[in-house]
PDB file of N, CA and C in Angstrom:
ATOM      1  N   MET A   1      91.622 -41.037 -33.386  1.00  0.00           N
ATOM      2  CA  MET A   1      91.530 -40.214 -34.571  1.00  0.00           C
ATOM      3  C   MET A   1      90.337 -40.663 -35.404  1.00  0.00           C
ATOM      4  N   ALA A   2      89.500 -39.719 -35.781  1.00  0.00           N
ATOM      5  CA  ALA A   2      88.309 -40.023 -36.564  1.00  0.00           C
ATOM      6  C   ALA A   2      88.700 -40.314 -38.012  1.00  0.00           C
ATOM      7  N   LYS A   3      87.813 -41.006 -38.696  1.00  0.00           N
ATOM      8  CA  LYS A   3      88.056 -41.287 -40.101  1.00  0.00           C
ATOM      9  C   LYS A   3      88.131 -39.973 -40.874  1.00  0.00           C
ATOM     10  N   THR A   4      89.009 -39.917 -41.827  1.00  0.00           N
ATOM     11  CA  THR A   4      89.184 -38.702 -42.625  1.00  0.00           C
ATOM     12  C   THR A   4      87.907 -38.361 -43.378  1.00  0.00           C
ATOM     13  N   SER A   5      87.174 -39.385 -43.796  1.00  0.00           N
ATOM     14  CA  SER A   5      85.937 -39.143 -44.544  1.00  0.00           C
ATOM     15  C   SER A   5      84.889 -38.459 -43.671  1.00  0.00           C
ATOM     16  N   GLN A   6      84.848 -38.811 -42.385  1.00  0.00           N
ATOM     17  CA  GLN A   6      83.890 -38.184 -41.466  1.00  0.00           C
ATOM     18  C   GLN A   6      84.200 -36.704 -41.289  1.00  0.00           C
ATOM     19  N   VAL A   7      85.483 -36.389 -41.131  1.00  0.00           N
ATOM     20  CA  VAL A   7      85.907 -35.003 -40.954  1.00  0.00           C
ATOM     21  C   VAL A   7      85.627 -34.211 -42.225  1.00  0.00           C
ATOM     22  N   ALA A   8      85.909 -34.814 -43.389  1.00  0.00           N
ATOM     23  CA  ALA A   8      85.671 -34.149 -44.670  1.00  0.00           C
ATOM     24  C   ALA A   8      84.181 -33.890 -44.870  1.00  0.00           C
ATOM     25  N   ARG A   9      83.346 -34.852 -44.497  1.00  0.00           N
ATOM     26  CA  ARG A   9      81.897 -34.700 -44.633  1.00  0.00           C
ATOM     27  C   ARG A   9      81.391 -33.552 -43.770  1.00  0.00           C
ATOM     28  N   GLU A  10      81.939 -33.463 -42.561  1.00  0.00           N
ATOM     29  CA  GLU A  10      81.539 -32.393 -41.647  1.00  0.00           C
ATOM     30  C   GLU A  10      81.964 -31.023 -42.179  1.00  0.00           C
ATOM     31  N   ASN A  11      83.163 -30.949 -42.754  1.00  0.00           N
ATOM     32  CA  ASN A  11      83.636 -29.699 -43.345  1.00  0.00           C
ATOM     33  C   ASN A  11      82.770 -29.279 -44.528  1.00  0.00           C
ATOM     34  N   LYS A  12      82.341 -30.257 -45.310  1.00  0.00           N
ATOM     35  CA  LYS A  12      81.471 -29.986 -46.455  1.00  0.00           C
ATOM     36  C   LYS A  12      80.136 -29.425 -45.980  1.00  0.00           C
ATOM     37  N   ARG A  13      79.586 -30.018 -44.923  1.00  0.00           N
ATOM     38  CA  ARG A  13      78.327 -29.530 -44.366  1.00  0.00           C
ATOM     39  C   ARG A  13      78.473 -28.106 -43.841  1.00  0.00           C
ATOM     40  N   LYS A  14      79.614 -27.811 -43.219  1.00  0.00           N
ATOM     41  CA  LYS A  14      79.859 -26.478 -42.672  1.00  0.00           C
ATOM     42  C   LYS A  14      79.891 -25.437 -43.793  1.00  0.00           C
ATOM     43  N   LYS A  15      80.563 -25.769 -44.903  1.00  0.00           N
ATOM     44  CA  LYS A  15      80.633 -24.859 -46.047  1.00  0.00           C
ATOM     45  C   LYS A  15      79.250 -24.621 -46.646  1.00  0.00           C
ATOM     46  N   LEU A  16      78.481 -25.690 -46.777  1.00  0.00           N
ATOM     47  CA  LEU A  16      77.130 -25.559 -47.340  1.00  0.00           C
ATOM     48  C   LEU A  16      76.239 -24.709 -46.439  1.00  0.00           C
ATOM     49  N   ALA A  17      76.351 -24.893 -45.144  1.00  0.00           N
ATOM     50  CA  ALA A  17      75.537 -24.126 -44.200  1.00  0.00           C
ATOM     51  C   ALA A  17      75.872 -22.641 -44.305  1.00  0.00           C
ATOM     52  N   GLU A  18      77.165 -22.317 -44.445  1.00  0.00           N
ATOM     53  CA  GLU A  18      77.570 -20.920 -44.586  1.00  0.00           C
ATOM     54  C   GLU A  18      77.106 -20.344 -45.917  1.00  0.00           C
ATOM     55  N   LYS A  19      77.178 -21.145 -46.970  1.00  0.00           N
ATOM     56  CA  LYS A  19      76.825 -20.689 -48.316  1.00  0.00           C
ATOM     57  C   LYS A  19      75.340 -20.322 -48.418  1.00  0.00           C
ATOM     58  N   TYR A  20      74.483 -21.148 -47.827  1.00  0.00           N
ATOM     59  CA  TYR A  20      73.042 -20.958 -47.955  1.00  0.00           C
ATOM     60  C   TYR A  20      72.404 -20.257 -46.762  1.00  0.00           C
ATOM     61  N   ALA A  21      73.183 -19.737 -45.834  1.00  0.00           N
ATOM     62  CA  ALA A  21      72.634 -19.144 -44.609  1.00  0.00           C
ATOM     63  C   ALA A  21      71.708 -17.974 -44.911  1.00  0.00           C
ATOM     64  N   GLU A  22      72.145 -17.051 -45.756  1.00  0.00           N
ATOM     65  CA  GLU A  22      71.336 -15.867 -46.074  1.00  0.00           C
ATOM     66  C   GLU A  22      70.065 -16.254 -46.829  1.00  0.00           C
ATOM     67  N   LYS A  23      70.212 -17.137 -47.809  1.00  0.00           N
ATOM     68  CA  LYS A  23      69.058 -17.574 -48.600  1.00  0.00           C
ATOM     69  C   LYS A  23      68.034 -18.288 -47.710  1.00  0.00           C
ATOM     70  N   ARG A  24      68.537 -19.137 -46.825  1.00  0.00           N
ATOM     71  CA  ARG A  24      67.669 -19.875 -45.902  1.00  0.00           C
ATOM     72  C   ARG A  24      66.929 -18.913 -44.974  1.00  0.00           C
ATOM     73  N   LYS A  25      67.637 -17.887 -44.496  1.00  0.00           N
ATOM     74  CA  LYS A  25      67.034 -16.903 -43.600  1.00  0.00           C
ATOM     75  C   LYS A  25      65.922 -16.130 -44.312  1.00  0.00           C
ATOM     76  N   ALA A  26      66.179 -15.745 -45.558  1.00  0.00           N
ATOM     77  CA  ALA A  26      65.178 -14.993 -46.335  1.00  0.00           C
ATOM     78  C   ALA A  26      63.948 -15.848 -46.620  1.00  0.00           C
ATOM     79  N   LEU A  27      64.158 -17.096 -47.004  1.00  0.00           N
ATOM     80  CA  LEU A  27      63.034 -17.989 -47.298  1.00  0.00           C
ATOM     81  C   LEU A  27      62.207 -18.267 -46.045  1.00  0.00           C
ATOM     82  N   LYS A  28      62.887 -18.409 -44.922  1.00  0.00           N
ATOM     83  CA  LYS A  28      62.184 -18.673 -43.670  1.00  0.00           C
ATOM     84  C   LYS A  28      61.336 -17.471 -43.261  1.00  0.00           C
ATOM     85  N   ALA A  29      61.898 -16.257 -43.438  1.00  0.00           N
ATOM     86  CA  ALA A  29      61.168 -15.039 -43.080  1.00  0.00           C
ATOM     87  C   ALA A  29      59.943 -14.861 -43.970  1.00  0.00           C
ATOM     88  N   ALA A  30      60.063 -15.259 -45.234  1.00  0.00           N
ATOM     89  CA  ALA A  30      58.945 -15.133 -46.171  1.00  0.00           C
ATOM     90  C   ALA A  30      57.923 -16.253 -45.981  1.00  0.00           C
ATOM     91  N   GLY A  31      58.293 -17.295 -45.271  1.00  0.00           N
ATOM     92  CA  GLY A  31      57.385 -18.421 -45.062  1.00  0.00           C
ATOM     93  C   GLY A  31      57.314 -19.347 -46.264  1.00  0.00           C
ATOM     94  N   ASP A  32      58.321 -19.300 -47.124  1.00  0.00           N
ATOM     95  CA  ASP A  32      58.358 -20.121 -48.334  1.00  0.00           C
ATOM     96  C   ASP A  32      58.988 -21.481 -48.013  1.00  0.00           C
ATOM     97  N   TYR A  33      58.176 -22.404 -47.530  1.00  0.00           N
ATOM     98  CA  TYR A  33      58.698 -23.700 -47.117  1.00  0.00           C
ATOM     99  C   TYR A  33      58.975 -24.616 -48.301  1.00  0.00           C
ATOM    100  N   GLU A  34      58.327 -24.382 -49.433  1.00  0.00           N
ATOM    101  CA  GLU A  34      58.631 -25.157 -50.634  1.00  0.00           C
ATOM    102  C   GLU A  34      60.035 -24.799 -51.126  1.00  0.00           C
ATOM    103  N   GLY A  35      60.370 -23.514 -51.052  1.00  0.00           N
ATOM    104  CA  GLY A  35      61.701 -23.069 -51.440  1.00  0.00           C
ATOM    105  C   GLY A  35      62.774 -23.630 -50.510  1.00  0.00           C
ATOM    106  N   LEU A  36      62.445 -23.717 -49.232  1.00  0.00           N
ATOM    107  CA  LEU A  36      63.388 -24.297 -48.266  1.00  0.00           C
ATOM    108  C   LEU A  36      63.639 -25.772 -48.558  1.00  0.00           C
ATOM    109  N   MET A  37      62.601 -26.462 -48.999  1.00  0.00           N
ATOM    110  CA  MET A  37      62.738 -27.887 -49.288  1.00  0.00           C
ATOM    111  C   MET A  37      63.615 -28.144 -50.501  1.00  0.00           C
ATOM    112  N   GLU A  38      63.739 -27.146 -51.388  1.00  0.00           N
ATOM    113  CA  GLU A  38      64.568 -27.309 -52.582  1.00  0.00           C
ATOM    114  C   GLU A  38      66.060 -27.113 -52.291  1.00  0.00           C
ATOM    115  N   LEU A  39      66.389 -26.511 -51.157  1.00  0.00           N
ATOM    116  CA  LEU A  39      67.794 -26.326 -50.786  1.00  0.00           C
ATOM    117  C   LEU A  39      68.404 -27.680 -50.426  1.00  0.00           C
ATOM    118  N   PRO A  40      69.724 -27.801 -50.549  1.00  0.00           N
ATOM    119  CA  PRO A  40      70.362 -29.076 -50.169  1.00  0.00           C
ATOM    120  C   PRO A  40      70.123 -29.406 -48.701  1.00  0.00           C
ATOM    121  N   ARG A  41      69.955 -30.667 -48.420  1.00  0.00           N
ATOM    122  CA  ARG A  41      69.672 -31.110 -47.066  1.00  0.00           C
ATOM    123  C   ARG A  41      70.796 -30.743 -46.097  1.00  0.00           C
ATOM    124  N   ASN A  42      72.022 -30.877 -46.561  1.00  0.00           N
ATOM    125  CA  ASN A  42      73.173 -30.610 -45.689  1.00  0.00           C
ATOM    126  C   ASN A  42      73.441 -29.127 -45.497  1.00  0.00           C
ATOM    127  N   SER A  43      72.644 -28.262 -46.098  1.00  0.00           N
ATOM    128  CA  SER A  43      72.828 -26.827 -45.893  1.00  0.00           C
ATOM    129  C   SER A  43      72.147 -26.355 -44.607  1.00  0.00           C
ATOM    130  N   ASN A  44      71.405 -27.240 -43.973  1.00  0.00           N
ATOM    131  CA  ASN A  44      70.735 -26.913 -42.729  1.00  0.00           C
ATOM    132  C   ASN A  44      71.744 -26.978 -41.571  1.00  0.00           C
ATOM    133  N   PRO A  45      71.892 -25.890 -40.794  1.00  0.00           N
ATOM    134  CA  PRO A  45      72.886 -25.909 -39.713  1.00  0.00           C
ATOM    135  C   PRO A  45      72.586 -26.924 -38.613  1.00  0.00           C
ATOM    136  N   ILE A  46      71.368 -27.433 -38.549  1.00  0.00           N
ATOM    137  CA  ILE A  46      71.010 -28.452 -37.562  1.00  0.00           C
ATOM    138  C   ILE A  46      71.812 -29.737 -37.808  1.00  0.00           C
ATOM    139  N   ARG A  47      72.185 -29.974 -39.047  1.00  0.00           N
ATOM    140  CA  ARG A  47      72.889 -31.208 -39.389  1.00  0.00           C
ATOM    141  C   ARG A  47      74.371 -31.170 -39.027  1.00  0.00           C
ATOM    142  N   LEU A  48      74.872 -30.016 -38.608  1.00  0.00           N
ATOM    143  CA  LEU A  48      76.278 -29.911 -38.208  1.00  0.00           C
ATOM    144  C   LEU A  48      76.489 -30.619 -36.870  1.00  0.00           C
ATOM    145  N   HIS A  49      77.664 -31.192 -36.717  1.00  0.00           N
ATOM    146  CA  HIS A  49      78.003 -31.879 -35.481  1.00  0.00           C
ATOM    147  C   HIS A  49      79.341 -31.346 -35.008  1.00  0.00           C
ATOM    148  N   ASN A  50      79.469 -31.097 -33.713  1.00  0.00           N
ATOM    149  CA  ASN A  50      80.731 -30.595 -33.172  1.00  0.00           C
ATOM    150  C   ASN A  50      81.792 -31.689 -33.229  1.00  0.00           C
ATOM    151  N   ARG A  51      82.977 -31.320 -33.722  1.00  0.00           N
ATOM    152  CA  ARG A  51      84.086 -32.252 -33.779  1.00  0.00           C
ATOM    153  C   ARG A  51      85.348 -31.594 -33.242  1.00  0.00           C
ATOM    154  N   CYS A  52      86.197 -32.398 -32.655  1.00  0.00           N
ATOM    155  CA  CYS A  52      87.475 -31.919 -32.129  1.00  0.00           C
ATOM    156  C   CYS A  52      88.318 -31.365 -33.276  1.00  0.00           C
ATOM    157  N   ALA A  53      88.918 -30.196 -33.052  1.00  0.00           N
ATOM    158  CA  ALA A  53      89.729 -29.557 -34.089  1.00  0.00           C
ATOM    159  C   ALA A  53      91.021 -30.323 -34.341  1.00  0.00           C
ATOM    160  N   VAL A  54      91.486 -31.074 -33.360  1.00  0.00           N
ATOM    161  CA  VAL A  54      92.758 -31.785 -33.483  1.00  0.00           C
ATOM    162  C   VAL A  54      92.565 -33.194 -34.028  1.00  0.00           C
ATOM    163  N   THR A  55      91.670 -33.965 -33.404  1.00  0.00           N
ATOM    164  CA  THR A  55      91.522 -35.375 -33.762  1.00  0.00           C
ATOM    165  C   THR A  55      90.295 -35.679 -34.600  1.00  0.00           C
ATOM    166  N   GLY A  56      89.301 -34.819 -34.579  1.00  0.00           N
ATOM    167  CA  GLY A  56      88.070 -35.072 -35.312  1.00  0.00           C
ATOM    168  C   GLY A  56      87.069 -35.888 -34.522  1.00  0.00           C
ATOM    169  N   ARG A  57      87.353 -36.171 -33.265  1.00  0.00           N
ATOM    170  CA  ARG A  57      86.449 -36.954 -32.423  1.00  0.00           C
ATOM    171  C   ARG A  57      85.141 -36.200 -32.217  1.00  0.00           C
ATOM    172  N   ALA A  58      84.011 -36.923 -32.305  1.00  0.00           N
ATOM    173  CA  ALA A  58      82.704 -36.294 -32.208  1.00  0.00           C
ATOM    174  C   ALA A  58      82.138 -36.297 -30.789  1.00  0.00           C
ATOM    175  N   ARG A  59      82.560 -37.251 -29.981  1.00  0.00           N
ATOM    176  CA  ARG A  59      82.017 -37.344 -28.623  1.00  0.00           C
ATOM    177  C   ARG A  59      82.943 -36.685 -27.619  1.00  0.00           C
ATOM    178  N   GLY A  60      82.371 -36.264 -26.500  1.00  0.00           N
ATOM    179  CA  GLY A  60      83.169 -35.665 -25.440  1.00  0.00           C
ATOM    180  C   GLY A  60      83.761 -34.333 -25.865  1.00  0.00           C
ATOM    181  N   PHE A  61      82.972 -33.509 -26.530  1.00  0.00           N
ATOM    182  CA  PHE A  61      83.443 -32.247 -27.099  1.00  0.00           C
ATOM    183  C   PHE A  61      83.214 -31.111 -26.117  1.00  0.00           C
ATOM    184  N   TYR A  62      84.251 -30.287 -25.863  1.00  0.00           N
ATOM    185  CA  TYR A  62      84.127 -29.099 -25.017  1.00  0.00           C
ATOM    186  C   TYR A  62      84.005 -27.881 -25.917  1.00  0.00           C
ATOM    187  N   ARG A  63      82.834 -27.248 -25.905  1.00  0.00           N
ATOM    188  CA  ARG A  63      82.596 -26.098 -26.779  1.00  0.00           C
ATOM    189  C   ARG A  63      83.542 -24.944 -26.513  1.00  0.00           C
ATOM    190  N   LYS A  64      83.817 -24.696 -25.253  1.00  0.00           N
ATOM    191  CA  LYS A  64      84.648 -23.558 -24.881  1.00  0.00           C
ATOM    192  C   LYS A  64      86.036 -23.631 -25.516  1.00  0.00           C
ATOM    193  N   PHE A  65      86.563 -24.838 -25.669  1.00  0.00           N
ATOM    194  CA  PHE A  65      87.911 -25.017 -26.196  1.00  0.00           C
ATOM    195  C   PHE A  65      87.927 -25.543 -27.629  1.00  0.00           C
ATOM    196  N   GLY A  66      86.828 -26.126 -28.073  1.00  0.00           N
ATOM    197  CA  GLY A  66      86.750 -26.642 -29.439  1.00  0.00           C
ATOM    198  C   GLY A  66      87.488 -27.954 -29.645  1.00  0.00           C
ATOM    199  N   ILE A  67      87.753 -28.671 -28.549  1.00  0.00           N
ATOM    200  CA  ILE A  67      88.458 -29.941 -28.645  1.00  0.00           C
ATOM    201  C   ILE A  67      87.758 -30.988 -27.781  1.00  0.00           C
ATOM    202  N   SER A  68      88.126 -32.252 -27.989  1.00  0.00           N
ATOM    203  CA  SER A  68      87.518 -33.334 -27.218  1.00  0.00           C
ATOM    204  C   SER A  68      88.130 -33.410 -25.824  1.00  0.00           C
ATOM    205  N   ARG A  69      87.497 -34.157 -24.951  1.00  0.00           N
ATOM    206  CA  ARG A  69      87.955 -34.275 -23.567  1.00  0.00           C
ATOM    207  C   ARG A  69      89.327 -34.918 -23.481  1.00  0.00           C
ATOM    208  N   LEU A  70      89.591 -35.876 -24.357  1.00  0.00           N
ATOM    209  CA  LEU A  70      90.880 -36.568 -24.336  1.00  0.00           C
ATOM    210  C   LEU A  70      92.008 -35.638 -24.773  1.00  0.00           C
ATOM    211  N   THR A  71      91.766 -34.899 -25.833  1.00  0.00           N
ATOM    212  CA  THR A  71      92.757 -33.943 -26.319  1.00  0.00           C
ATOM    213  C   THR A  71      92.955 -32.835 -25.300  1.00  0.00           C
ATOM    214  N   PHE A  72      91.842 -32.404 -24.675  1.00  0.00           N
ATOM    215  CA  PHE A  72      91.922 -31.366 -23.651  1.00  0.00           C
ATOM    216  C   PHE A  72      92.819 -31.805 -22.504  1.00  0.00           C
ATOM    217  N   ARG A  73      92.619 -33.009 -22.032  1.00  0.00           N
ATOM    218  CA  ARG A  73      93.410 -33.520 -20.901  1.00  0.00           C
ATOM    219  C   ARG A  73      94.886 -33.585 -21.258  1.00  0.00           C
ATOM    220  N   LYS A  74      95.176 -34.106 -22.441  1.00  0.00           N
ATOM    221  CA  LYS A  74      96.561 -34.219 -22.883  1.00  0.00           C
ATOM    222  C   LYS A  74      97.226 -32.843 -22.989  1.00  0.00           C
ATOM    223  N   MET A  75      96.528 -31.901 -23.616  1.00  0.00           N
ATOM    224  CA  MET A  75      97.090 -30.563 -23.802  1.00  0.00           C
ATOM    225  C   MET A  75      97.214 -29.814 -22.478  1.00  0.00           C
ATOM    226  N   ALA A  76      96.262 -30.018 -21.568  1.00  0.00           N
ATOM    227  CA  ALA A  76      96.307 -29.354 -20.262  1.00  0.00           C
ATOM    228  C   ALA A  76      97.489 -29.851 -19.440  1.00  0.00           C
ATOM    229  N   LEU A  77      97.729 -31.146 -19.460  1.00  0.00           N
ATOM    230  CA  LEU A  77      98.843 -31.709 -18.712  1.00  0.00           C
ATOM    231  C   LEU A  77     100.191 -31.267 -19.278  1.00  0.00           C
ATOM    232  N   GLU A  78     100.227 -31.017 -20.585  1.00  0.00           N
ATOM    233  CA  GLU A  78     101.458 -30.541 -21.222  1.00  0.00           C
ATOM    234  C   GLU A  78     101.628 -29.032 -21.063  1.00  0.00           C
ATOM    235  N   GLY A  79     100.604 -28.364 -20.518  1.00  0.00           N
ATOM    236  CA  GLY A  79     100.669 -26.922 -20.321  1.00  0.00           C
ATOM    237  C   GLY A  79     100.421 -26.118 -21.583  1.00  0.00           C
ATOM    238  N   MET A  80      99.721 -26.694 -22.546  1.00  0.00           N
ATOM    239  CA  MET A  80      99.489 -26.022 -23.825  1.00  0.00           C
ATOM    240  C   MET A  80      98.227 -25.166 -23.828  1.00  0.00           C
ATOM    241  N   ILE A  81      97.404 -25.279 -22.785  1.00  0.00           N
ATOM    242  CA  ILE A  81      96.186 -24.472 -22.687  1.00  0.00           C
ATOM    243  C   ILE A  81      96.391 -23.452 -21.578  1.00  0.00           C
ATOM    244  N   PRO A  82      96.454 -22.170 -21.911  1.00  0.00           N
ATOM    245  CA  PRO A  82      96.713 -21.152 -20.895  1.00  0.00           C
ATOM    246  C   PRO A  82      95.601 -21.085 -19.848  1.00  0.00           C
ATOM    247  N   GLY A  83      95.994 -20.951 -18.594  1.00  0.00           N
ATOM    248  CA  GLY A  83      95.043 -20.789 -17.514  1.00  0.00           C
ATOM    249  C   GLY A  83      94.440 -22.068 -16.994  1.00  0.00           C
ATOM    250  N   VAL A  84      94.847 -23.202 -17.516  1.00  0.00           N
ATOM    251  CA  VAL A  84      94.297 -24.486 -17.071  1.00  0.00           C
ATOM    252  C   VAL A  84      95.391 -25.256 -16.368  1.00  0.00           C
ATOM    253  N   LYS A  85      95.087 -25.712 -15.138  1.00  0.00           N
ATOM    254  CA  LYS A  85      96.032 -26.562 -14.433  1.00  0.00           C
ATOM    255  C   LYS A  85      95.273 -27.652 -13.695  1.00  0.00           C
ATOM    256  N   LYS A  86      95.980 -28.702 -13.366  1.00  0.00           N
ATOM    257  CA  LYS A  86      95.366 -29.848 -12.692  1.00  0.00           C
ATOM    258  C   LYS A  86      94.954 -29.462 -11.280  1.00  0.00           C
ATOM    259  N   ALA A  87      93.740 -29.843 -10.917  1.00  0.00           N
ATOM    260  CA  ALA A  87      93.244 -29.536  -9.586  1.00  0.00           C
ATOM    261  C   ALA A  87      93.858 -30.495  -8.565  1.00  0.00           C
ATOM    262  N   SER A  88      94.146 -29.973  -7.381  1.00  0.00           N
ATOM    263  CA  SER A  88      94.587 -30.852  -6.300  1.00  0.00           C
ATOM    264  C   SER A  88      94.114 -30.256  -4.987  1.00  0.00           C
ATOM    265  N   TRP A  89      93.696 -31.098  -4.076  1.00  0.00           N
ATOM    266  CA  TRP A  89      93.245 -30.626  -2.767  1.00  0.00           C
ATOM    267  C   TRP A  89      93.552 -31.656  -1.721  1.00  0.00           C
TER     268      TRP A  89
END
């Protein structure tokens, strides 16, 4: 489980990125780089990091499912992810 502060920081960055998305797009189209520099640093979507929706883990993230590899394995074995089953040959 990730630190609560890390998850909160990531959520804050996500909100800021959504809030300034239109303004950032307009400034970029106009070529106003001074205006872009005045926006908050964390409003840039590049600064976002993928985190597991369940545990907040940052590494081993599967985009398709939105969870980490460890959580994915646990949920798959419990049958909580539709269409996923353990391979055997």
